[in-house]
Amino acid sequence: MIEKATFGGGCFWCLEAVFQKLDGIKSVVSGYAGGPEINPTYKQVCSGSTGHAEVIQIEFDPDEISYETLLEWFWKAHDPTTLNRQGNDVGSQYRSIILTESDEQKQTAETSKKEAQGIFKDSIVTEIEPLDIFYPAEAYHQNYYRTNPGQSYCAFIIAPKLQKLGMGDS
């Protein structure tokens, strides 16, 4: 049975590129969640006024990759110690957040967060909240790195991140 996981950790293009490389992932959709605005647009979310974070929603096969393993990659793929910021991306829309689908996911995320704290010098600021509604981002945001590898953000931010994680650059 396919399950879902929803994570935010800066620009959704970066997280999407990382999680698309993992075995057991069936799909990764960039979108918005965590705020009250109904059907927000990218422009609205970028303004910081909607309360939403840029997130990815992952469909995965738990027989091939566990939720715990996804969380391990989540902690590696961004800096969960910076409040409302990842690199040059600043604002609440870039916050570190785990949006859970169940009480079991929430408990697993809380445990994983405590374990991950040992990796970081500064305190983890990642929010863990139940997922209310996920809104897919506009079509041009989907598979962004795969379809735009030469774009400057992809070349200078995402490709080096993938290299650092041992995932190559394609």
Foldseek 3Di string as FASTA:
>chain_A
DKDKWKWFAAAALQVLVVVVLDPFWPFKFWFWFQFDDPQDAPVRVLVQPGRIATMIMIIGDCVTPNLLNVLVVLVLSFPQQDAQDTVPRHHNNRHTEIADADPVSLVSNVVSQVVCCVVDPGHGPYYYYHTDDTHGYDPCSGPVCVVCCPPPCNVPPRQVSCVVVVNHRD
